[in-house]
Amino acid sequence: MTGAFTVRNIVTVALLAALVLLPVYVELGGNRFLITLFTRIVILALAAVSLNLIIGYGGMMSFGHAAYLGIGGYAVGMLAHEGIFSGFVQWPVALAASALFALGIGALSLRTRGVYFIMITLAFAQMAYYVVAGLARYGGDDGLTIYKRSQFVAPLDLSNKVQFYYICLALLFGSMYLIWRLVNSRFGMVIQGARSNDTRMRAIGFPTYRYKLVCFVIAGTLCGLAGALLANHTDFVSPGLMYWTRSGDLIIMVVLGGMGSAVGPVFGAVALLVFEEALPFVIKLLGTPFFGDAATRASEYWQIIMGPLLLLVVLFARGGIDGLLAKVGAKVRA
């Protein structure tokens, strides 16, 4: 295979085409659950794509990225609770609140490096988590139910599952394109140069702190958009949206799919969330003939199998799924 016809490109196009055609398959097959599942996958893929901008391209290992997911979701939920249902108000507020929070975190954390940077981002995310958990007016620990989705002008109707899916997918593709343009621009070259050698980039005259801060804010804003979408998808928000384990899930998606790859986080999100749904069923199906009811109980602990699978990917597929596809393509050409 030469040129554009590589294993990596073929699989990428096949995945993106499958995402576009999924509602057609659902209409033909009648499995409505797939729309619900893949809407969630697309939204979390958007959050992972935003995280990849700062981790994969910028080398900024944030462990509090889920905070923006929660802020975007709560912006929609709080405004809906107060009777403001217009998406033209809710979504800009979600984006602005996420951007401001990212600006505050970035302004402090980017003055540090390594484990200090990780701990500061984690600390701010946990602070946001406990603040939201203490808001009794908006449900506190129990979360907040959203009784009406964001309202836009006709024909946009977020209550229509197929239409909402395509809106989420369009925003995912738009975000991927935006990040691709960013990382291949002068701005992106500076960000990647600072990741490799920040001291040298500053020595030749680039204000890397400002570049990285803008990059950090863009990533937080995009994740806030994912939060607004997720709130509309689930019709519910809770402090768990911004807990540190959700940030860990996003990091796993990026690493599993391939850091520093435009489509890698999408691979990672699809693989992780499909595994989460499929593994309990597979364990039960394969184990029942041998272990009976014990297999059913074992299917509840599917994470025991997921963990080693992720470890194998990290150890033997450097570059994640995207990198693995590139290696397979290289062997095929050889």
Protein backbone atom coordinates (compact mmCIF):
# COMPACT_ATOMS: atom_id res chain seq x y z
CA MET A 1 0.00 0.00 0.00
CA THR A 2 1.34 3.41 -0.95
CA GLY A 3 0.32 7.03 -0.66
CA ALA A 4 -3.03 7.57 0.97
CA PHE A 5 -3.98 3.86 0.90
CA THR A 6 -2.34 2.81 4.16
CA VAL A 7 -3.84 0.59 6.86
CA ARG A 8 -3.96 3.57 9.20
CA ASN A 9 -5.81 5.81 6.73
CA ILE A 10 -8.22 3.07 5.65
CA VAL A 11 -9.18 2.24 9.26
CA THR A 12 -9.52 5.95 10.07
CA VAL A 13 -11.84 6.58 7.13
CA ALA A 14 -13.81 3.43 7.95
CA LEU A 15 -14.29 4.55 11.57
CA LEU A 16 -15.38 8.08 10.63
CA ALA A 17 -17.72 6.71 7.94
CA ALA A 18 -19.20 4.25 10.45
CA LEU A 19 -19.88 7.12 12.86
CA VAL A 20 -21.61 9.09 10.10
CA LEU A 21 -23.72 6.13 8.94
CA LEU A 22 -24.58 4.78 12.41
CA PRO A 23 -28.11 6.30 12.56
CA VAL A 24 -28.89 4.66 9.19
CA TYR A 25 -27.90 1.27 10.62
CA VAL A 26 -29.97 1.95 13.74
CA GLU A 27 -33.03 2.81 11.65
CA LEU A 28 -32.63 -0.41 9.66
CA GLY A 29 -31.81 -2.64 12.62
CA GLY A 30 -33.99 -1.00 15.24
CA ASN A 31 -31.34 -1.06 18.00
CA ARG A 32 -31.97 2.38 19.53
CA PHE A 33 -29.48 1.78 22.33
CA LEU A 34 -26.62 2.23 19.84
CA ILE A 35 -27.59 5.86 19.25
CA THR A 36 -27.51 6.54 22.99
CA LEU A 37 -24.18 4.74 23.43
CA PHE A 38 -22.43 6.35 20.49
CA THR A 39 -23.74 9.81 21.31
CA ARG A 40 -21.96 9.44 24.65
CA ILE A 41 -18.86 8.11 22.88
CA VAL A 42 -18.80 11.06 20.47
CA ILE A 43 -19.18 13.58 23.30
CA LEU A 44 -16.40 12.03 25.40
CA ALA A 45 -14.26 11.75 22.26
CA LEU A 46 -14.62 15.53 21.94
CA ALA A 47 -13.42 15.92 25.54
CA ALA A 48 -10.49 13.56 24.82
CA VAL A 49 -9.59 15.48 21.65
CA SER A 50 -9.40 18.68 23.70
CA LEU A 51 -7.17 16.98 26.29
CA ASN A 52 -4.93 15.65 23.53
CA LEU A 53 -4.18 19.24 22.51
CA ILE A 54 -2.39 19.95 25.79
CA ILE A 55 -1.07 16.45 26.57
CA GLY A 56 -0.20 15.07 23.15
CA TYR A 57 0.97 18.26 21.47
CA GLY A 58 1.83 20.51 24.39
CA GLY A 59 3.26 18.02 26.88
CA MET A 60 1.10 19.51 29.67
CA MET A 61 -0.08 16.54 31.75
CA SER A 62 -3.31 17.89 33.24
CA PHE A 63 -5.05 15.64 35.76
CA GLY A 64 -8.02 17.94 36.25
CA HIS A 65 -9.42 18.20 32.73
CA ALA A 66 -12.79 16.77 33.77
CA ALA A 67 -13.40 19.98 35.73
CA TYR A 68 -14.32 21.70 32.45
CA LEU A 69 -16.66 18.85 31.60
CA GLY A 70 -18.49 19.51 34.87
CA ILE A 71 -18.43 23.30 34.50
CA GLY A 72 -19.94 23.12 31.02
CA GLY A 73 -22.57 20.66 32.22
CA TYR A 74 -23.48 22.66 35.32
CA ALA A 75 -23.70 25.90 33.32
CA VAL A 76 -26.47 24.28 31.27
CA GLY A 77 -28.08 22.64 34.33
CA MET A 78 -28.07 25.73 36.54
CA LEU A 79 -29.50 27.99 33.84
CA ALA A 80 -32.19 25.41 33.04
CA HIS A 81 -33.00 25.20 36.76
CA GLU A 82 -33.50 28.97 36.79
CA GLY A 83 -35.83 28.80 33.79
CA ILE A 84 -33.35 29.84 31.07
CA PHE A 85 -33.55 27.21 28.34
CA SER A 86 -32.16 29.07 25.34
CA GLY A 87 -29.08 27.34 23.95
CA PHE A 88 -27.92 30.74 22.69
CA VAL A 89 -27.50 31.67 26.36
CA GLN A 90 -26.59 28.32 27.93
CA TRP A 91 -23.83 27.28 25.56
CA PRO A 92 -21.93 30.60 25.46
CA VAL A 93 -22.09 30.71 29.27
CA ALA A 94 -20.72 27.14 29.41
CA LEU A 95 -17.88 28.04 27.06
CA ALA A 96 -17.08 31.30 28.85
CA ALA A 97 -17.12 29.73 32.33
CA SER A 98 -14.85 26.89 31.18
CA ALA A 99 -12.48 29.34 29.48
CA LEU A 100 -12.25 31.54 32.59
CA PHE A 101 -11.61 28.56 34.85
CA ALA A 102 -8.94 27.28 32.45
CA LEU A 103 -7.37 30.73 32.37
CA GLY A 104 -7.14 30.80 36.18
CA ILE A 105 -5.73 27.29 36.46
CA GLY A 106 -3.33 27.77 33.57
CA ALA A 107 -2.03 31.10 34.84
CA LEU A 108 -0.85 29.39 38.03
CA SER A 109 -0.04 25.84 36.98
CA LEU A 110 1.98 26.75 33.88
CA ARG A 111 4.55 28.46 36.08
CA THR A 112 5.46 25.00 37.36
CA ARG A 113 6.51 21.72 35.74
CA GLY A 114 6.28 17.98 36.18
CA VAL A 115 4.52 16.60 39.22
CA TYR A 116 3.82 20.11 40.56
CA PHE A 117 1.84 20.94 37.42
CA ILE A 118 -0.12 17.68 37.73
CA MET A 119 -0.94 18.28 41.39
CA ILE A 120 -2.07 21.89 40.84
CA THR A 121 -4.47 20.90 38.06
CA LEU A 122 -5.77 18.04 40.20
CA ALA A 123 -6.19 20.33 43.23
CA PHE A 124 -8.23 22.90 41.29
CA ALA A 125 -10.45 20.20 39.82
CA GLN A 126 -11.12 18.76 43.27
CA MET A 127 -11.89 22.23 44.59
CA ALA A 128 -14.48 22.66 41.84
CA TYR A 129 -15.88 19.22 42.68
CA TYR A 130 -16.39 20.06 46.36
CA VAL A 131 -17.83 23.50 45.60
CA VAL A 132 -20.48 22.01 43.29
CA ALA A 133 -21.18 19.18 45.75
CA GLY A 134 -21.98 21.83 48.37
CA LEU A 135 -24.53 23.72 46.25
CA ALA A 136 -27.76 22.52 47.88
CA ARG A 137 -29.88 24.69 45.55
CA TYR A 138 -28.59 22.71 42.59
CA GLY A 139 -28.86 19.23 44.08
CA GLY A 140 -25.54 19.00 45.95
CA ASP A 141 -24.19 15.44 46.01
CA ASP A 142 -27.39 14.10 44.48
CA GLY A 143 -26.94 16.01 41.24
CA LEU A 144 -29.37 18.09 39.21
CA THR A 145 -32.04 16.84 36.81
CA ILE A 146 -32.51 18.83 33.59
CA TYR A 147 -36.14 18.70 32.51
CA LYS A 148 -35.77 20.48 29.18
CA ARG A 149 -32.87 20.41 26.76
CA SER A 150 -31.25 23.52 25.32
CA GLN A 151 -33.63 25.29 22.94
CA PHE A 152 -32.55 26.57 19.53
CA VAL A 153 -34.43 27.92 16.53
CA ALA A 154 -36.21 25.44 14.23
CA PRO A 155 -35.35 23.03 12.74
CA LEU A 156 -32.73 22.34 15.46
CA ASP A 157 -34.28 20.07 18.07
CA LEU A 158 -31.96 18.44 20.61
CA SER A 159 -34.79 16.20 21.79
CA ASN A 160 -34.52 14.35 18.47
CA LYS A 161 -31.87 11.71 19.19
CA VAL A 162 -30.66 11.35 15.61
CA GLN A 163 -30.44 15.10 15.10
CA PHE A 164 -28.63 15.54 18.43
CA TYR A 165 -26.20 12.77 17.48
CA TYR A 166 -25.31 14.53 14.24
CA ILE A 167 -24.87 17.85 16.06
CA CYS A 168 -22.42 16.19 18.47
CA LEU A 169 -20.63 14.48 15.57
CA ALA A 170 -20.35 17.73 13.62
CA LEU A 171 -18.88 19.48 16.66
CA LEU A 172 -16.40 16.60 17.12
CA PHE A 173 -15.27 16.80 13.49
CA GLY A 174 -15.10 20.60 13.73
CA SER A 175 -12.95 20.39 16.87
CA MET A 176 -10.63 17.84 15.26
CA TYR A 177 -10.20 20.11 12.23
CA LEU A 178 -9.61 23.16 14.44
CA ILE A 179 -6.91 21.36 16.43
CA TRP A 180 -5.32 20.00 13.24
CA ARG A 181 -5.10 23.53 11.87
CA LEU A 182 -3.73 24.83 15.17
CA VAL A 183 -0.97 22.25 15.55
CA ASN A 184 0.13 22.75 11.94
CA SER A 185 0.27 26.52 12.27
CA ARG A 186 3.03 28.73 13.66
CA PHE A 187 1.20 28.63 16.99
CA GLY A 188 1.26 24.84 17.01
CA MET A 189 4.92 24.69 16.07
CA VAL A 190 5.76 26.88 19.08
CA ILE A 191 3.66 24.68 21.39
CA GLN A 192 5.37 21.52 20.15
CA GLY A 193 8.77 23.19 20.31
CA ALA A 194 8.13 24.22 23.92
CA ARG A 195 7.21 20.63 24.73
CA SER A 196 10.57 19.45 23.41
CA ASN A 197 12.75 22.25 24.83
CA ASP A 198 11.03 25.18 26.49
CA THR A 199 14.30 26.88 27.46
CA ARG A 200 15.56 26.94 23.88
CA MET A 201 12.25 28.28 22.55
CA ARG A 202 12.37 31.14 25.04
CA ALA A 203 16.02 31.79 24.19
CA ILE A 204 15.17 32.38 20.52
CA GLY A 205 12.45 34.86 21.44
CA PHE A 206 9.14 33.01 21.80
CA PRO A 207 7.01 33.87 24.89
CA THR A 208 6.16 30.22 25.48
CA TYR A 209 4.19 30.91 28.67
CA ARG A 210 1.61 32.95 26.74
CA TYR A 211 1.42 30.39 23.94
CA LYS A 212 0.88 27.54 26.38
CA LEU A 213 -1.71 29.53 28.34
CA VAL A 214 -3.74 30.17 25.18
CA CYS A 215 -3.45 26.46 24.30
CA PHE A 216 -4.62 25.53 27.80
CA VAL A 217 -7.65 27.85 27.55
CA ILE A 218 -8.63 26.51 24.11
CA ALA A 219 -8.53 22.93 25.46
CA GLY A 220 -10.62 23.87 28.50
CA THR A 221 -13.19 25.67 26.36
CA LEU A 222 -13.63 22.71 24.01
CA CYS A 223 -14.04 20.39 27.00
CA GLY A 224 -16.66 22.79 28.39
CA LEU A 225 -18.55 22.39 25.11
CA ALA A 226 -18.41 18.62 25.60
CA GLY A 227 -19.82 19.15 29.10
CA ALA A 228 -22.76 21.15 27.73
CA LEU A 229 -23.47 18.37 25.23
CA LEU A 230 -23.19 15.68 27.90
CA ALA A 231 -25.67 17.52 30.16
CA ASN A 232 -28.17 17.62 27.30
CA HIS A 233 -27.53 13.97 26.49
CA THR A 234 -28.08 12.62 30.01
CA ASP A 235 -30.60 15.28 31.14
CA PHE A 236 -28.67 15.20 34.40
CA VAL A 237 -25.49 16.62 35.92
CA SER A 238 -23.70 15.66 39.12
CA PRO A 239 -20.40 16.45 40.85
CA GLY A 240 -19.11 13.09 39.59
CA LEU A 241 -18.66 14.71 36.17
CA MET A 242 -15.59 16.54 37.47
CA TYR A 243 -14.18 13.94 39.86
CA TRP A 244 -10.53 13.00 39.34
CA THR A 245 -11.40 9.52 38.10
CA ARG A 246 -13.21 11.04 35.11
CA SER A 247 -10.03 12.95 34.28
CA GLY A 248 -8.24 9.59 34.44
CA ASP A 249 -10.75 8.15 31.97
CA LEU A 250 -10.00 10.96 29.52
CA ILE A 251 -6.26 10.40 29.87
CA ILE A 252 -6.76 6.67 29.20
CA MET A 253 -8.70 7.51 26.01
CA VAL A 254 -5.88 9.74 24.78
CA VAL A 255 -3.10 7.26 25.64
CA LEU A 256 -5.05 4.25 24.35
CA GLY A 257 -5.87 5.94 21.05
CA GLY A 258 -2.51 7.65 20.56
CA MET A 259 -1.17 10.92 21.94
CA GLY A 260 -0.28 13.59 19.42
CA SER A 261 -2.61 12.12 16.79
CA ALA A 262 -5.59 13.98 15.34
CA VAL A 263 -7.82 10.90 15.33
CA GLY A 264 -6.14 8.96 18.18
CA PRO A 265 -8.49 10.18 20.95
CA VAL A 266 -11.47 9.10 18.86
CA PHE A 267 -9.99 5.60 18.53
CA GLY A 268 -9.39 5.59 22.28
CA ALA A 269 -12.89 6.76 23.21
CA VAL A 270 -14.58 4.22 20.93
CA ALA A 271 -12.35 1.36 22.11
CA LEU A 272 -12.65 2.12 25.83
CA LEU A 273 -16.39 2.72 25.95
CA VAL A 274 -17.26 -0.19 23.64
CA PHE A 275 -15.09 -2.46 25.81
CA GLU A 276 -16.93 -1.20 28.90
CA GLU A 277 -20.24 -2.22 27.37
CA ALA A 278 -19.10 -5.45 25.71
CA LEU A 279 -16.74 -7.04 28.26
CA PRO A 280 -19.40 -7.96 30.88
CA PHE A 281 -21.48 -9.62 28.16
CA VAL A 282 -18.45 -11.48 26.70
CA ILE A 283 -17.35 -12.70 30.15
CA LYS A 284 -20.85 -13.96 30.89
CA LEU A 285 -21.24 -15.59 27.45
CA LEU A 286 -17.90 -17.40 27.47
CA GLY A 287 -17.83 -18.27 31.18
CA THR A 288 -21.37 -19.54 31.75
CA PRO A 289 -20.85 -22.98 30.07
CA PHE A 290 -17.87 -23.62 32.37
CA PHE A 291 -18.65 -21.75 35.59
CA GLY A 292 -22.42 -21.26 35.57
CA ASP A 293 -23.72 -18.48 37.83
CA ALA A 294 -20.17 -17.65 38.90
CA ALA A 295 -19.56 -16.24 35.41
CA THR A 296 -22.51 -13.89 35.83
CA ARG A 297 -21.07 -12.61 39.10
CA ALA A 298 -17.60 -12.34 37.54
CA SER A 299 -18.98 -10.17 34.72
CA GLU A 300 -19.55 -7.42 37.30
CA TYR A 301 -15.78 -7.17 37.74
CA TRP A 302 -14.92 -6.67 34.08
CA GLN A 303 -12.32 -4.02 35.06
CA ILE A 304 -10.00 -6.89 36.09
CA ILE A 305 -9.70 -7.77 32.41
CA MET A 306 -9.77 -4.20 31.12
CA GLY A 307 -6.75 -3.26 33.25
CA PRO A 308 -4.31 -5.83 31.76
CA LEU A 309 -5.58 -5.03 28.24
CA LEU A 310 -4.71 -1.36 28.72
CA LEU A 311 -1.35 -2.34 30.19
CA LEU A 312 -0.57 -4.46 27.11
CA VAL A 313 -1.40 -1.52 24.83
CA VAL A 314 0.88 0.81 26.79
CA LEU A 315 3.76 -1.72 26.84
CA PHE A 316 3.60 -3.12 23.31
CA ALA A 317 1.77 -0.51 21.23
CA ARG A 318 3.68 2.71 21.77
CA GLY A 319 1.62 5.42 20.14
CA GLY A 320 -1.62 3.65 21.07
CA ILE A 321 -4.03 2.25 18.52
CA ASP A 322 -3.06 4.89 15.97
CA GLY A 323 0.62 4.01 16.33
CA LEU A 324 -0.17 0.30 16.13
CA LEU A 325 -2.03 0.81 12.85
CA ALA A 326 0.93 2.77 11.47
CA LYS A 327 3.29 -0.10 12.38
CA VAL A 328 1.01 -2.68 10.76
CA GLY A 329 0.90 -0.54 7.65
CA ALA A 330 4.68 -0.30 7.57
CA LYS A 331 5.00 -4.10 7.80
CA VAL A 332 2.46 -4.55 4.99
CA ARG A 333 4.41 -2.19 2.73
CA ALA A 334 7.63 -4.01 3.56
